[in-house]
Amino acid sequence: MSKPKISSAIDLLIPSIDVIKNNLLTFFVLSVVPSLLSILGTKRVENPTSFADIIKTITPLSLLGSLLAFIFFAPLIYTLVNTTKGKHVNLLEAFSKGYHYFFRLIGLLFIFATLMIVGFIFFIIPGIIVIRRYFLSFYYLVDQDLSIKDAMTKSAGITIQNSMAIYSVMGIMLIFGLFASIPGISAVIGYIFQFLYSVAPALRYQEMKQVYYYLQLI
């Protein structure tokens, strides 16, 4: 058995596109629809400087997008884990099997967000480290049907062995996110590439898991 390789972050773009193409309807409904509703429904406010200004940007349509993103979160993670194994996942399977992990995934999301926010409030570096440590925890939870604690522990253990494999993917995602934040055609391009690259973290999970298993065998 040859040693599995870790791809460069940008090289994950084409495999990500291939996975999406082979499961286009599922990814469109679970990922694109909530995002489009949130983006199109957000009311533009010039130079928002206060909490009241931020509230003004919220509309019923953007709230619907956020609600759907919450409802679709577990089916989306289930889809990401299984499609990156080469399987086809339709919407019926995504919903029927994804909700088995719903409460654990939401609990993990809450813990992850809390740790990240606290990390960024005090120092930037701890926040970045938190993201790296638990970057793969959602995929571990679904793939191996783990508890929240076990999923976080496994993610922290495997990502510390090759931190750059995670930071590089985070960097590409940040670049696409920056383009999406620029008004005009740049935002459209940024959103498109964000979607096309959205499977890359799950692909990185599969790569790092294979490398880990290989090292346990030798």
N, C-alpha and C. Protein backbone atom coordinates (compact mmCIF):
# COMPACT_ATOMS: atom_id res chain seq x y z
N MET A 1 0.85 -1.20 0.00
CA MET A 1 0.00 0.00 0.00
C MET A 1 0.88 1.25 0.00
N SER A 2 0.72 2.09 -1.04
CA SER A 2 1.53 3.31 -1.11
C SER A 2 0.99 4.35 -0.13
N LYS A 3 1.87 5.22 0.32
CA LYS A 3 1.48 6.22 1.30
C LYS A 3 0.54 7.24 0.67
N PRO A 4 -0.63 7.47 1.29
CA PRO A 4 -1.55 8.49 0.77
C PRO A 4 -0.90 9.87 0.84
N LYS A 5 -1.27 10.73 -0.09
CA LYS A 5 -0.68 12.06 -0.16
C LYS A 5 -1.67 13.13 0.25
N ILE A 6 -1.12 14.23 0.79
CA ILE A 6 -1.92 15.40 1.10
C ILE A 6 -1.80 16.38 -0.07
N SER A 7 -2.89 16.67 -0.72
CA SER A 7 -2.88 17.58 -1.86
C SER A 7 -2.64 19.01 -1.40
N SER A 8 -2.16 19.85 -2.32
CA SER A 8 -2.10 21.27 -2.01
C SER A 8 -3.53 21.79 -1.92
N ALA A 9 -3.72 22.87 -1.19
CA ALA A 9 -5.07 23.37 -0.95
C ALA A 9 -5.79 23.73 -2.24
N ILE A 10 -5.10 24.37 -3.17
CA ILE A 10 -5.73 24.79 -4.41
C ILE A 10 -6.07 23.60 -5.30
N ASP A 11 -5.31 22.51 -5.15
CA ASP A 11 -5.58 21.31 -5.95
C ASP A 11 -6.88 20.61 -5.54
N LEU A 12 -7.44 21.01 -4.40
CA LEU A 12 -8.71 20.42 -3.97
C LEU A 12 -9.90 21.05 -4.68
N LEU A 13 -9.67 22.13 -5.42
CA LEU A 13 -10.77 22.81 -6.10
C LEU A 13 -11.44 21.92 -7.14
N ILE A 14 -10.66 21.29 -8.01
CA ILE A 14 -11.24 20.45 -9.06
C ILE A 14 -11.99 19.25 -8.48
N PRO A 15 -11.39 18.49 -7.52
CA PRO A 15 -12.16 17.40 -6.91
C PRO A 15 -13.44 17.90 -6.23
N SER A 16 -13.39 19.09 -5.63
CA SER A 16 -14.58 19.66 -5.00
C SER A 16 -15.66 19.91 -6.05
N ILE A 17 -15.26 20.47 -7.19
CA ILE A 17 -16.22 20.72 -8.27
C ILE A 17 -16.82 19.41 -8.77
N ASP A 18 -15.99 18.37 -8.90
CA ASP A 18 -16.46 17.07 -9.38
C ASP A 18 -17.51 16.48 -8.44
N VAL A 19 -17.26 16.57 -7.13
CA VAL A 19 -18.22 16.05 -6.15
C VAL A 19 -19.54 16.81 -6.25
N ILE A 20 -19.46 18.13 -6.34
CA ILE A 20 -20.68 18.95 -6.46
C ILE A 20 -21.43 18.60 -7.74
N LYS A 21 -20.70 18.47 -8.84
CA LYS A 21 -21.32 18.17 -10.14
C LYS A 21 -22.07 16.85 -10.09
N ASN A 22 -21.53 15.87 -9.39
CA ASN A 22 -22.16 14.55 -9.32
C ASN A 22 -23.32 14.50 -8.32
N ASN A 23 -23.48 15.56 -7.53
CA ASN A 23 -24.57 15.63 -6.54
C ASN A 23 -25.18 17.03 -6.56
N LEU A 24 -25.37 17.56 -7.77
CA LEU A 24 -25.67 18.98 -7.93
C LEU A 24 -26.97 19.39 -7.26
N LEU A 25 -28.03 18.65 -7.44
CA LEU A 25 -29.32 19.03 -6.85
C LEU A 25 -29.23 19.07 -5.33
N THR A 26 -28.59 18.07 -4.74
CA THR A 26 -28.47 18.01 -3.29
C THR A 26 -27.70 19.21 -2.75
N PHE A 27 -26.56 19.52 -3.35
CA PHE A 27 -25.77 20.66 -2.88
C PHE A 27 -26.47 21.99 -3.16
N PHE A 28 -27.19 22.06 -4.28
CA PHE A 28 -27.90 23.30 -4.61
C PHE A 28 -28.95 23.61 -3.54
N VAL A 29 -29.74 22.60 -3.19
CA VAL A 29 -30.80 22.80 -2.20
C VAL A 29 -30.24 23.07 -0.82
N LEU A 30 -29.26 22.27 -0.39
CA LEU A 30 -28.75 22.36 0.97
C LEU A 30 -27.82 23.54 1.19
N SER A 31 -27.12 23.97 0.15
CA SER A 31 -26.10 25.01 0.32
C SER A 31 -26.45 26.31 -0.39
N VAL A 32 -26.81 26.23 -1.65
CA VAL A 32 -27.03 27.44 -2.44
C VAL A 32 -28.32 28.16 -2.05
N VAL A 33 -29.41 27.42 -1.90
CA VAL A 33 -30.71 28.06 -1.61
C VAL A 33 -30.67 28.90 -0.33
N PRO A 34 -30.19 28.37 0.80
CA PRO A 34 -30.13 29.22 2.00
C PRO A 34 -29.23 30.44 1.81
N SER A 35 -28.10 30.26 1.14
CA SER A 35 -27.17 31.38 0.93
C SER A 35 -27.79 32.45 0.05
N LEU A 36 -28.46 32.04 -1.03
CA LEU A 36 -29.09 33.00 -1.93
C LEU A 36 -30.17 33.80 -1.21
N LEU A 37 -30.98 33.12 -0.41
CA LEU A 37 -32.03 33.82 0.33
C LEU A 37 -31.44 34.83 1.30
N SER A 38 -30.37 34.44 1.97
CA SER A 38 -29.72 35.35 2.93
C SER A 38 -29.11 36.55 2.22
N ILE A 39 -28.43 36.29 1.10
CA ILE A 39 -27.76 37.37 0.36
C ILE A 39 -28.77 38.31 -0.27
N LEU A 40 -29.74 37.75 -0.99
CA LEU A 40 -30.72 38.58 -1.69
C LEU A 40 -31.66 39.29 -0.72
N GLY A 41 -31.88 38.68 0.44
CA GLY A 41 -32.81 39.26 1.40
C GLY A 41 -32.19 40.30 2.32
N THR A 42 -30.88 40.36 2.37
CA THR A 42 -30.22 41.32 3.26
C THR A 42 -30.36 42.74 2.70
N LYS A 43 -30.88 43.63 3.51
CA LYS A 43 -31.08 45.02 3.11
C LYS A 43 -29.77 45.79 3.26
N ARG A 44 -29.39 46.49 2.23
CA ARG A 44 -28.14 47.26 2.26
C ARG A 44 -28.30 48.53 3.07
N VAL A 45 -27.38 48.73 4.00
CA VAL A 45 -27.33 49.94 4.81
C VAL A 45 -25.96 50.56 4.64
N GLU A 46 -25.91 51.81 4.25
CA GLU A 46 -24.64 52.48 4.02
C GLU A 46 -23.88 52.68 5.32
N ASN A 47 -22.64 52.18 5.34
CA ASN A 47 -21.73 52.37 6.47
C ASN A 47 -22.38 52.05 7.82
N PRO A 48 -22.79 50.80 8.02
CA PRO A 48 -23.39 50.45 9.32
C PRO A 48 -22.35 50.57 10.44
N THR A 49 -22.70 51.34 11.45
CA THR A 49 -21.75 51.59 12.54
C THR A 49 -22.27 51.18 13.91
N SER A 50 -23.53 50.81 13.99
CA SER A 50 -24.12 50.45 15.27
C SER A 50 -24.91 49.17 15.15
N PHE A 51 -25.27 48.63 16.31
CA PHE A 51 -26.08 47.41 16.33
C PHE A 51 -27.43 47.65 15.67
N ALA A 52 -27.98 48.86 15.84
CA ALA A 52 -29.26 49.20 15.22
C ALA A 52 -29.15 49.17 13.70
N ASP A 53 -28.01 49.62 13.17
CA ASP A 53 -27.80 49.58 11.72
C ASP A 53 -27.76 48.15 11.21
N ILE A 54 -27.12 47.28 11.98
CA ILE A 54 -27.04 45.87 11.59
C ILE A 54 -28.43 45.23 11.58
N ILE A 55 -29.24 45.57 12.58
CA ILE A 55 -30.60 45.04 12.65
C ILE A 55 -31.40 45.45 11.42
N LYS A 56 -31.14 46.66 10.92
CA LYS A 56 -31.88 47.16 9.76
C LYS A 56 -31.60 46.33 8.50
N THR A 57 -30.46 45.64 8.47
CA THR A 57 -30.13 44.84 7.28
C THR A 57 -30.93 43.54 7.22
N ILE A 58 -31.55 43.16 8.33
CA ILE A 58 -32.27 41.89 8.41
C ILE A 58 -33.68 42.05 7.86
N THR A 59 -34.07 41.12 7.00
CA THR A 59 -35.42 41.09 6.44
C THR A 59 -36.01 39.69 6.62
N PRO A 60 -37.32 39.52 6.44
CA PRO A 60 -37.91 38.17 6.53
C PRO A 60 -37.25 37.17 5.60
N LEU A 61 -36.84 37.62 4.41
CA LEU A 61 -36.19 36.72 3.45
C LEU A 61 -34.82 36.27 3.95
N SER A 62 -34.06 37.20 4.51
CA SER A 62 -32.75 36.82 5.03
C SER A 62 -32.88 35.93 6.26
N LEU A 63 -33.91 36.17 7.06
CA LEU A 63 -34.17 35.30 8.22
C LEU A 63 -34.53 33.88 7.77
N LEU A 64 -35.30 33.79 6.68
CA LEU A 64 -35.65 32.48 6.14
C LEU A 64 -34.40 31.75 5.67
N GLY A 65 -33.48 32.48 5.03
CA GLY A 65 -32.23 31.88 4.59
C GLY A 65 -31.43 31.34 5.76
N SER A 66 -31.35 32.11 6.84
CA SER A 66 -30.62 31.67 8.03
C SER A 66 -31.29 30.46 8.67
N LEU A 67 -32.62 30.47 8.71
CA LEU A 67 -33.36 29.34 9.28
C LEU A 67 -33.12 28.07 8.48
N LEU A 68 -33.15 28.19 7.15
CA LEU A 68 -32.92 27.02 6.30
C LEU A 68 -31.49 26.50 6.46
N ALA A 69 -30.52 27.41 6.58
CA ALA A 69 -29.13 26.99 6.78
C ALA A 69 -29.01 26.18 8.07
N PHE A 70 -29.73 26.60 9.11
CA PHE A 70 -29.74 25.88 10.38
C PHE A 70 -30.39 24.50 10.22
N ILE A 71 -31.54 24.47 9.56
CA ILE A 71 -32.27 23.22 9.38
C ILE A 71 -31.51 22.25 8.48
N PHE A 72 -30.81 22.79 7.47
CA PHE A 72 -30.10 21.95 6.50
C PHE A 72 -28.69 21.57 6.95
N PHE A 73 -28.24 22.06 8.11
CA PHE A 73 -26.85 21.87 8.51
C PHE A 73 -26.47 20.40 8.63
N ALA A 74 -27.27 19.63 9.35
CA ALA A 74 -26.96 18.20 9.54
C ALA A 74 -27.01 17.43 8.22
N PRO A 75 -28.06 17.60 7.39
CA PRO A 75 -28.05 16.92 6.09
C PRO A 75 -26.87 17.32 5.21
N LEU A 76 -26.43 18.58 5.30
CA LEU A 76 -25.30 19.03 4.50
C LEU A 76 -24.00 18.36 4.94
N ILE A 77 -23.76 18.29 6.24
CA ILE A 77 -22.54 17.63 6.73
C ILE A 77 -22.56 16.15 6.36
N TYR A 78 -23.72 15.51 6.51
CA TYR A 78 -23.84 14.11 6.10
C TYR A 78 -23.50 13.95 4.62
N THR A 79 -24.01 14.86 3.80
CA THR A 79 -23.75 14.81 2.36
C THR A 79 -22.27 15.00 2.06
N LEU A 80 -21.63 15.94 2.73
CA LEU A 80 -20.21 16.20 2.51
C LEU A 80 -19.36 14.98 2.86
N VAL A 81 -19.65 14.37 3.98
CA VAL A 81 -18.87 13.20 4.41
C VAL A 81 -19.00 12.05 3.42
N ASN A 82 -20.20 11.79 2.96
CA ASN A 82 -20.43 10.61 2.13
C ASN A 82 -20.12 10.83 0.66
N THR A 83 -20.34 12.02 0.14
CA THR A 83 -20.01 12.26 -1.27
C THR A 83 -18.50 12.29 -1.49
N THR A 84 -17.74 12.68 -0.48
CA THR A 84 -16.28 12.68 -0.62
C THR A 84 -15.70 11.26 -0.51
N LYS A 85 -16.55 10.30 -0.24
CA LYS A 85 -16.15 8.90 -0.30
C LYS A 85 -16.49 8.30 -1.66
N GLY A 86 -17.04 9.12 -2.54
CA GLY A 86 -17.39 8.65 -3.87
C GLY A 86 -18.84 8.21 -4.01
N LYS A 87 -19.63 8.40 -2.96
CA LYS A 87 -21.03 7.98 -3.01
C LYS A 87 -21.90 9.10 -3.59
N HIS A 88 -23.05 8.70 -4.16
CA HIS A 88 -24.06 9.68 -4.56
C HIS A 88 -25.08 9.79 -3.45
N VAL A 89 -25.38 11.01 -3.03
CA VAL A 89 -26.35 11.24 -1.96
C VAL A 89 -27.48 12.10 -2.50
N ASN A 90 -28.68 11.55 -2.52
CA ASN A 90 -29.83 12.35 -2.94
C ASN A 90 -30.45 13.06 -1.74
N LEU A 91 -31.41 13.92 -2.00
CA LEU A 91 -32.01 14.72 -0.94
C LEU A 91 -32.72 13.86 0.10
N LEU A 92 -33.40 12.82 -0.35
CA LEU A 92 -34.12 11.95 0.58
C LEU A 92 -33.16 11.32 1.58
N GLU A 93 -32.03 10.81 1.09
CA GLU A 93 -31.04 10.21 1.99
C GLU A 93 -30.41 11.26 2.90
N ALA A 94 -30.11 12.43 2.34
CA ALA A 94 -29.48 13.49 3.13
C ALA A 94 -30.35 13.86 4.33
N PHE A 95 -31.65 14.00 4.11
CA PHE A 95 -32.55 14.39 5.20
C PHE A 95 -32.84 13.23 6.15
N SER A 96 -33.10 12.05 5.59
CA SER A 96 -33.50 10.92 6.43
C SER A 96 -32.37 10.43 7.32
N LYS A 97 -31.13 10.48 6.82
CA LYS A 97 -30.00 10.00 7.60
C LYS A 97 -29.24 11.13 8.30
N GLY A 98 -29.28 12.31 7.72
CA GLY A 98 -28.54 13.43 8.31
C GLY A 98 -29.06 13.84 9.67
N TYR A 99 -30.37 13.74 9.88
CA TYR A 99 -30.94 14.22 11.14
C TYR A 99 -30.64 13.31 12.32
N HIS A 100 -30.08 12.15 12.04
CA HIS A 100 -29.59 11.29 13.14
C HIS A 100 -28.53 12.02 13.96
N TYR A 101 -27.81 12.96 13.31
CA TYR A 101 -26.70 13.66 13.96
C TYR A 101 -27.05 15.10 14.34
N PHE A 102 -28.31 15.49 14.14
CA PHE A 102 -28.69 16.90 14.23
C PHE A 102 -28.30 17.54 15.56
N PHE A 103 -28.74 16.99 16.67
CA PHE A 103 -28.52 17.65 17.97
C PHE A 103 -27.05 17.67 18.35
N ARG A 104 -26.32 16.60 18.03
CA ARG A 104 -24.89 16.61 18.32
C ARG A 104 -24.16 17.65 17.46
N LEU A 105 -24.52 17.76 16.20
CA LEU A 105 -23.87 18.73 15.32
C LEU A 105 -24.17 20.16 15.75
N ILE A 106 -25.41 20.42 16.15
CA ILE A 106 -25.76 21.76 16.62
C ILE A 106 -25.03 22.07 17.92
N GLY A 107 -24.93 21.09 18.79
CA GLY A 107 -24.17 21.29 20.03
C GLY A 107 -22.71 21.55 19.75
N LEU A 108 -22.14 20.80 18.82
CA LEU A 108 -20.74 21.01 18.43
C LEU A 108 -20.56 22.38 17.80
N LEU A 109 -21.50 22.78 16.96
CA LEU A 109 -21.43 24.09 16.32
C LEU A 109 -21.44 25.20 17.37
N PHE A 110 -22.28 25.08 18.38
CA PHE A 110 -22.37 26.08 19.44
C PHE A 110 -21.06 26.16 20.23
N ILE A 111 -20.50 25.01 20.58
CA ILE A 111 -19.24 24.98 21.33
C ILE A 111 -18.10 25.54 20.49
N PHE A 112 -18.04 25.13 19.24
CA PHE A 112 -17.00 25.60 18.32
C PHE A 112 -17.07 27.12 18.16
N ALA A 113 -18.28 27.65 17.92
CA ALA A 113 -18.45 29.09 17.73
C ALA A 113 -18.08 29.86 19.00
N THR A 114 -18.47 29.32 20.15
CA THR A 114 -18.16 29.99 21.42
C THR A 114 -16.66 30.06 21.66
N LEU A 115 -15.97 28.94 21.46
CA LEU A 115 -14.52 28.92 21.65
C LEU A 115 -13.82 29.85 20.66
N MET A 116 -14.31 29.87 19.43
CA MET A 116 -13.71 30.72 18.40
C MET A 116 -13.90 32.20 18.75
N ILE A 117 -15.10 32.57 19.16
CA ILE A 117 -15.38 33.97 19.50
C ILE A 117 -14.54 34.41 20.69
N VAL A 118 -14.49 33.56 21.71
CA VAL A 118 -13.68 33.89 22.90
C VAL A 118 -12.21 34.04 22.51
N GLY A 119 -11.75 33.15 21.64
CA GLY A 119 -10.36 33.21 21.20
C GLY A 119 -10.05 34.49 20.46
N PHE A 120 -10.96 34.93 19.60
CA PHE A 120 -10.73 36.16 18.83
C PHE A 120 -10.90 37.41 19.68
N ILE A 121 -11.74 37.33 20.71
CA ILE A 121 -11.93 38.50 21.58
C ILE A 121 -10.64 38.82 22.33
N PHE A 122 -10.00 37.78 22.84
CA PHE A 122 -8.79 38.01 23.64
C PHE A 122 -7.56 38.20 22.76
N PHE A 123 -7.34 37.29 21.83
CA PHE A 123 -6.21 37.39 20.91
C PHE A 123 -6.62 36.75 19.59
N ILE A 124 -6.02 37.24 18.49
CA ILE A 124 -6.34 36.67 17.18
C ILE A 124 -5.81 35.25 17.05
N ILE A 125 -4.58 35.02 17.50
CA ILE A 125 -3.93 33.72 17.32
C ILE A 125 -4.71 32.57 17.97
N PRO A 126 -5.15 32.72 19.25
CA PRO A 126 -5.93 31.61 19.83
C PRO A 126 -7.18 31.27 19.05
N GLY A 127 -7.83 32.29 18.47
CA GLY A 127 -9.01 32.03 17.66
C GLY A 127 -8.69 31.20 16.43
N ILE A 128 -7.57 31.52 15.79
CA ILE A 128 -7.14 30.77 14.60
C ILE A 128 -6.78 29.33 14.98
N ILE A 129 -6.14 29.18 16.13
CA ILE A 129 -5.76 27.84 16.59
C ILE A 129 -7.00 27.00 16.89
N VAL A 130 -8.02 27.63 17.49
CA VAL A 130 -9.28 26.92 17.77
C VAL A 130 -9.89 26.40 16.47
N ILE A 131 -9.92 27.25 15.43
CA ILE A 131 -10.47 26.82 14.15
C ILE A 131 -9.68 25.63 13.62
N ARG A 132 -8.36 25.71 13.67
CA ARG A 132 -7.53 24.61 13.17
C ARG A 132 -7.78 23.31 13.95
N ARG A 133 -7.83 23.42 15.27
CA ARG A 133 -7.97 22.23 16.12
C ARG A 133 -9.28 21.47 15.81
N TYR A 134 -10.35 22.20 15.65
CA TYR A 134 -11.66 21.55 15.54
C TYR A 134 -12.25 21.64 14.14
N PHE A 135 -11.42 21.96 13.16
CA PHE A 135 -11.83 22.12 11.77
C PHE A 135 -12.49 20.87 11.21
N LEU A 136 -12.01 19.71 11.62
CA LEU A 136 -12.50 18.44 11.08
C LEU A 136 -13.49 17.73 12.00
N SER A 137 -13.82 18.34 13.12
CA SER A 137 -14.63 17.66 14.12
C SER A 137 -16.03 17.31 13.63
N PHE A 138 -16.63 18.16 12.79
CA PHE A 138 -17.98 17.89 12.27
C PHE A 138 -17.99 16.64 11.40
N TYR A 139 -16.93 16.47 10.61
CA TYR A 139 -16.85 15.30 9.73
C TYR A 139 -16.59 14.04 10.54
N TYR A 140 -15.74 14.14 11.56
CA TYR A 140 -15.50 12.99 12.43
C TYR A 140 -16.79 12.54 13.11
N LEU A 141 -17.57 13.52 13.60
CA LEU A 141 -18.79 13.18 14.33
C LEU A 141 -19.73 12.36 13.46
N VAL A 142 -19.92 12.77 12.22
CA VAL A 142 -20.84 12.07 11.33
C VAL A 142 -20.23 10.78 10.79
N ASP A 143 -18.97 10.85 10.36
CA ASP A 143 -18.34 9.70 9.72
C ASP A 143 -18.22 8.52 10.67
N GLN A 144 -17.89 8.80 11.93
CA GLN A 144 -17.69 7.72 12.89
C GLN A 144 -18.76 7.68 13.98
N ASP A 145 -19.80 8.50 13.82
CA ASP A 145 -20.93 8.53 14.76
C ASP A 145 -20.44 8.72 16.19
N LEU A 146 -19.65 9.76 16.40
CA LEU A 146 -19.00 10.01 17.68
C LEU A 146 -19.79 10.99 18.53
N SER A 147 -19.42 11.03 19.80
CA SER A 147 -19.93 12.09 20.68
C SER A 147 -19.23 13.39 20.33
N ILE A 148 -19.74 14.50 20.82
CA ILE A 148 -19.12 15.80 20.56
C ILE A 148 -17.69 15.82 21.08
N LYS A 149 -17.50 15.34 22.30
CA LYS A 149 -16.17 15.35 22.91
C LYS A 149 -15.19 14.51 22.10
N ASP A 150 -15.60 13.32 21.71
CA ASP A 150 -14.70 12.43 20.97
C ASP A 150 -14.36 13.00 19.60
N ALA A 151 -15.33 13.62 18.95
CA ALA A 151 -15.09 14.22 17.64
C ALA A 151 -14.09 15.36 17.74
N MET A 152 -14.22 16.18 18.78
CA MET A 152 -13.29 17.30 18.97
C MET A 152 -11.89 16.79 19.30
N THR A 153 -11.84 15.74 20.11
CA THR A 153 -10.54 15.16 20.49
C THR A 153 -9.83 14.59 19.27
N LYS A 154 -10.55 13.87 18.44
CA LYS A 154 -9.94 13.27 17.24
C LYS A 154 -9.48 14.36 16.28
N SER A 155 -10.30 15.39 16.09
CA SER A 155 -9.92 16.48 15.20
C SER A 155 -8.67 17.18 15.69
N ALA A 156 -8.62 17.47 16.98
CA ALA A 156 -7.45 18.15 17.54
C ALA A 156 -6.20 17.29 17.38
N GLY A 157 -6.35 15.98 17.57
CA GLY A 157 -5.20 15.09 17.48
C GLY A 157 -4.63 14.96 16.08
N ILE A 158 -5.52 14.89 15.09
CA ILE A 158 -5.02 14.68 13.72
C ILE A 158 -4.55 15.97 13.08
N THR A 159 -5.18 17.11 13.41
CA THR A 159 -4.79 18.36 12.77
C THR A 159 -3.47 18.91 13.30
N ILE A 160 -3.12 18.58 14.52
CA ILE A 160 -1.85 19.06 15.06
C ILE A 160 -0.67 18.38 14.37
N GLN A 161 -0.92 17.20 13.76
CA GLN A 161 0.15 16.49 13.07
C GLN A 161 0.52 17.13 11.74
N ASN A 162 -0.41 17.87 11.16
CA ASN A 162 -0.14 18.56 9.90
C ASN A 162 -0.99 19.83 9.85
N SER A 163 -0.59 20.80 10.65
CA SER A 163 -1.37 22.03 10.77
C SER A 163 -1.50 22.77 9.45
N MET A 164 -0.44 22.77 8.64
CA MET A 164 -0.47 23.52 7.39
C MET A 164 -1.49 22.97 6.40
N ALA A 165 -1.80 21.69 6.50
CA ALA A 165 -2.81 21.10 5.63
C ALA A 165 -4.17 21.74 5.90
N ILE A 166 -4.39 22.16 7.14
CA ILE A 166 -5.64 22.82 7.51
C ILE A 166 -5.55 24.32 7.24
N TYR A 167 -4.45 24.94 7.65
CA TYR A 167 -4.31 26.39 7.47
C TYR A 167 -4.35 26.77 5.99
N SER A 168 -3.82 25.93 5.12
CA SER A 168 -3.82 26.25 3.69
C SER A 168 -5.24 26.26 3.13
N VAL A 169 -6.07 25.31 3.56
CA VAL A 169 -7.48 25.29 3.12
C VAL A 169 -8.21 26.51 3.68
N MET A 170 -7.94 26.82 4.95
CA MET A 170 -8.54 28.01 5.55
C MET A 170 -8.14 29.27 4.78
N GLY A 171 -6.90 29.32 4.32
CA GLY A 171 -6.41 30.48 3.57
C GLY A 171 -7.14 30.66 2.25
N ILE A 172 -7.33 29.56 1.51
CA ILE A 172 -8.07 29.63 0.24
C ILE A 172 -9.50 30.07 0.49
N MET A 173 -10.13 29.53 1.53
CA MET A 173 -11.50 29.92 1.86
C MET A 173 -11.57 31.40 2.22
N LEU A 174 -10.56 31.90 2.92
CA LEU A 174 -10.52 33.32 3.29
C LEU A 174 -10.40 34.20 2.05
N ILE A 175 -9.57 33.80 1.11
CA ILE A 175 -9.39 34.58 -0.13
C ILE A 175 -10.71 34.69 -0.88
N PHE A 176 -11.40 33.57 -1.05
CA PHE A 176 -12.69 33.59 -1.75
C PHE A 176 -13.71 34.42 -0.97
N GLY A 177 -13.64 34.35 0.37
CA GLY A 177 -14.54 35.13 1.20
C GLY A 177 -14.30 36.62 1.06
N LEU A 178 -13.04 37.02 0.93
CA LEU A 178 -12.70 38.43 0.75
C LEU A 178 -13.25 38.95 -0.57
N PHE A 179 -13.13 38.14 -1.62
CA PHE A 179 -13.70 38.53 -2.91
C PHE A 179 -15.21 38.70 -2.81
N ALA A 180 -15.85 37.80 -2.05
CA ALA A 180 -17.30 37.85 -1.90
C ALA A 180 -17.76 39.08 -1.13
N SER A 181 -16.86 39.68 -0.35
CA SER A 181 -17.22 40.86 0.45
C SER A 181 -17.08 42.16 -0.33
N ILE A 182 -16.52 42.10 -1.55
CA ILE A 182 -16.34 43.29 -2.37
C ILE A 182 -17.57 43.47 -3.26
N PRO A 183 -18.25 44.61 -3.18
CA PRO A 183 -19.46 44.81 -3.99
C PRO A 183 -19.18 44.70 -5.48
N GLY A 184 -20.20 44.25 -6.22
CA GLY A 184 -20.07 44.18 -7.67
C GLY A 184 -19.73 42.79 -8.17
N ILE A 185 -19.07 42.73 -9.31
CA ILE A 185 -18.76 41.46 -9.95
C ILE A 185 -17.83 40.61 -9.11
N SER A 186 -16.97 41.25 -8.32
CA SER A 186 -16.05 40.50 -7.45
C SER A 186 -16.82 39.65 -6.45
N ALA A 187 -17.94 40.20 -5.94
CA ALA A 187 -18.75 39.46 -4.98
C ALA A 187 -19.35 38.22 -5.62
N VAL A 188 -19.84 38.38 -6.85
CA VAL A 188 -20.43 37.24 -7.57
C VAL A 188 -19.39 36.15 -7.79
N ILE A 189 -18.21 36.56 -8.25
CA ILE A 189 -17.11 35.60 -8.45
C ILE A 189 -16.73 34.92 -7.15
N GLY A 190 -16.65 35.73 -6.09
CA GLY A 190 -16.29 35.18 -4.78
C GLY A 190 -17.29 34.15 -4.30
N TYR A 191 -18.59 34.47 -4.42
CA TYR A 191 -19.63 33.53 -3.99
C TYR A 191 -19.59 32.24 -4.80
N ILE A 192 -19.36 32.36 -6.09
CA ILE A 192 -19.30 31.17 -6.94
C ILE A 192 -18.15 30.26 -6.52
N PHE A 193 -16.97 30.86 -6.31
CA PHE A 193 -15.82 30.05 -5.92
C PHE A 193 -15.96 29.52 -4.49
N GLN A 194 -16.62 30.26 -3.63
CA GLN A 194 -16.90 29.74 -2.29
C GLN A 194 -17.71 28.45 -2.39
N PHE A 195 -18.72 28.46 -3.24
CA PHE A 195 -19.56 27.27 -3.42
C PHE A 195 -18.77 26.13 -4.05
N LEU A 196 -18.02 26.43 -5.11
CA LEU A 196 -17.26 25.39 -5.80
C LEU A 196 -16.18 24.77 -4.90
N TYR A 197 -15.69 25.54 -3.93
CA TYR A 197 -14.63 25.06 -3.04
C TYR A 197 -15.19 24.48 -1.73
N SER A 198 -16.51 24.51 -1.58
CA SER A 198 -17.11 24.18 -0.30
C SER A 198 -16.91 22.73 0.13
N VAL A 199 -16.57 21.85 -0.79
CA VAL A 199 -16.36 20.44 -0.44
C VAL A 199 -14.91 20.19 -0.01
N ALA A 200 -14.02 21.17 -0.25
CA ALA A 200 -12.59 20.99 0.02
C ALA A 200 -12.29 20.59 1.47
N PRO A 201 -12.92 21.21 2.49
CA PRO A 201 -12.61 20.77 3.86
C PRO A 201 -12.92 19.30 4.11
N ALA A 202 -14.03 18.81 3.55
CA ALA A 202 -14.38 17.39 3.72
C ALA A 202 -13.41 16.49 2.95
N LEU A 203 -12.94 16.97 1.80
CA LEU A 203 -11.92 16.22 1.05
C LEU A 203 -10.61 16.17 1.84
N ARG A 204 -10.26 17.28 2.47
CA ARG A 204 -9.06 17.30 3.31
C ARG A 204 -9.20 16.33 4.47
N TYR A 205 -10.40 16.25 5.05
CA TYR A 205 -10.66 15.29 6.11
C TYR A 205 -10.38 13.86 5.64
N GLN A 206 -10.89 13.51 4.47
CA GLN A 206 -10.69 12.15 3.95
C GLN A 206 -9.21 11.88 3.72
N GLU A 207 -8.48 12.87 3.18
CA GLU A 207 -7.05 12.70 2.95
C GLU A 207 -6.29 12.47 4.25
N MET A 208 -6.54 13.32 5.23
CA MET A 208 -5.80 13.23 6.49
C MET A 208 -6.16 11.95 7.25
N LYS A 209 -7.39 11.51 7.14
CA LYS A 209 -7.80 10.27 7.78
C LYS A 209 -7.05 9.09 7.15
N GLN A 210 -6.92 9.09 5.83
CA GLN A 210 -6.21 8.01 5.14
C GLN A 210 -4.73 7.99 5.53
N VAL A 211 -4.12 9.16 5.62
CA VAL A 211 -2.72 9.24 6.03
C VAL A 211 -2.56 8.72 7.45
N TYR A 212 -3.48 9.08 8.33
CA TYR A 212 -3.42 8.63 9.72
C TYR A 212 -3.53 7.11 9.81
N TYR A 213 -4.46 6.52 9.07
CA TYR A 213 -4.61 5.07 9.09
C TYR A 213 -3.37 4.38 8.52
N TYR A 214 -2.78 4.97 7.49
CA TYR A 214 -1.58 4.41 6.89
C TYR A 214 -0.44 4.38 7.92
N LEU A 215 -0.29 5.45 8.66
CA LEU A 215 0.79 5.53 9.65
C LEU A 215 0.57 4.54 10.79
N GLN A 216 -0.70 4.22 11.08
CA GLN A 216 -0.97 3.24 12.12
C GLN A 216 -0.62 1.82 11.68
N LEU A 217 -0.60 1.61 10.36
CA LEU A 217 -0.33 0.27 9.82
C LEU A 217 1.16 -0.03 9.68
N ILE A 218 1.99 1.02 9.55
CA ILE A 218 3.41 0.76 9.30
C ILE A 218 4.18 0.68 10.61
